[in-house]
Amino acid sequence: MIQFLLNDKLIDTDLPPGMVMVDFIRYQKHLTGTKIGCREGDCGACTILSGELKQGRVSYNAVTSCLMPLANAGGKHIVTIEGVNTKDLNAIQEALCDEGATQCGFCTPGFVMSLTGFCLNGTAADKKDADKECGAQNAIAAVDGNICRCTGYKSIERAAGRVAALLQQNQDQDTLSFLIKSSVIPSYFSGIVQRLEAMNTTAMAAEKEVVKNYQQPGVSFNGASFLSGGTDLYVQQPEVLVHQHSNFLLCHAALKGIFNEDNTCIIGAAATVTDILESQLMQQYFPNISQFIKVVSSTPIRNMATIAGNFINASPIGDLSIFFLALDAQLILSDDRVTRQLRLQDLYQGYKTLAKKPSEYIKQIRFSLPGNNTFFNFEKVSKRTHLDIASVNTALSITIENNIISQARLSAGGVAPVPFFLAKTSVFLKGKALSVHTVQQAIQHALSEISPISDVRGTAYYKRLLLKQLIKAHFITLFPFLKTETLIYV
């Protein structure tokens, strides 16, 4: 039995836990304001909010309900477009209407929900920021997973700017109270914390039992498959997953968290991309983490997709795979009997072929935190800025001692059948002086090491050219003194 709050109602259901939320919402509860578009998480028409208790408050995230299994709603507050309706148009709906930001209306509920999530998320809202332009940019970024095919985006941007301006009127008031008073959300939201805290359901009890068993050695998952965020698997095999026996790992406390232990960063396998983006530890050691992560898919997908899922998906252009290959990440694998450690670069044996047993799952990801002389950069080229896969992506971690490269790790995607660690190029860089000549030589080593193919994202020649330019971008970004015509144009 799965129990959760759907808008202002308590839901108990024994329907298949693999059913996606959009089907449950529309066909079981007949809340048809949530639309079905692409069923791949691309269009945002099915966007809803998923609210989870964290430290005495409810943290809301916009998610695409076409990729969210019913099991992942257990113990949460799920909000559809019907759940944010007030007596009249709420403030977000009114802003969209006044700015002419809706035409056929099919996509409008998704935009409303994304902007509502922006308002409820105190960090993203940045309501105290005195820079109105910055606030508007944050609001526009919140709808990076929503597509409109007929209205035109300028009117939607204006509406988002109005929403951001409204938030800036909040003078240190409790965010929830301010949003209710400002008619952004209805008043029932004020009681959600207490209602979630009071829930003592079969689903939550079962989850605690699973977590307890999960932490005990010698307990098997009886051959069931593993599923966390589902953002890739539900695109590939949605009908199969509805009735397949799966272990849903996203909500397991044992697989959460990002923390520092003896100068080693430990990330729970069920940490989402958003968790990485918002981690104070990651922000401390990677000051540009926001710039890097915000080109990874879109806000709703980042709110669901997990780091382990990105690794196991084994896409040759997986953004997080490339990111963590450069950090020499180590995986902690377990089959609930034996736990072992494996370097991420050793996980990939061939296209979609892993050095992992079907019974094994990732428990943790570990990597050594960079020192003061270690620098990191991530680059990605794709046809769209958001919600797109890379033509080529690449990461570089490099340590400099007295202008000598003492350690380097270069990775790239889209240039081989697997997420690729450029071992020969990395070895070449070690011990070399930091100079334009060294970069030029490294590029030649890299081009001899890769084997791109021509596909819909570009020709093999184009991908070689991209990697060449992105390697230059790494060094120019990290070491601006190398920005010379010799490096840029050669």
Foldseek 3Di string as FASTA:
>chain_A
DFWAAEQNDIDDDPAQQLAFQLCCVCVVVNPPQQDDDDLQLQAQSRWKWKWDDDPLDTQIAIARRSQAGNLVNGLIYIYFLVSFDDPDRFLLRVLCVVLQVDDPSSQVRRLLRLLLSCLRHPVLCPLQDPDLVVNLVSLVQSCLRHDDDPRDCVSVSRSSSVSSPLSVVDDPDDSVVSSCVRRSGPPSSVCRSVVSVPDDDPSVVVLVVVLVLLPAAPRAPVLAAEAELRSPVCVVDVVCSSPGRYDYDLPRPLQQDWDADPQKTKGRQNQFLVNCLPDPVNCVLAVCSVVLSSLPAGRNRSVRHTLQNLLLQFALQRSSLQQCQFQQKKWWKDLSHDTDIDTSQQQDDFQSHGPDDSSIGTGIIMGRRDDPQKDKDKDFDAPDSHRTTGCKIKMKIFGDDPQATQFIWIWMGQFHSGRGTLVVLRVQRHGHGPALVNLVVSLVSVLVRTHHDADPGGHNVVRSVVVLQVSLVVCCVVPVVRPDPSNNPD
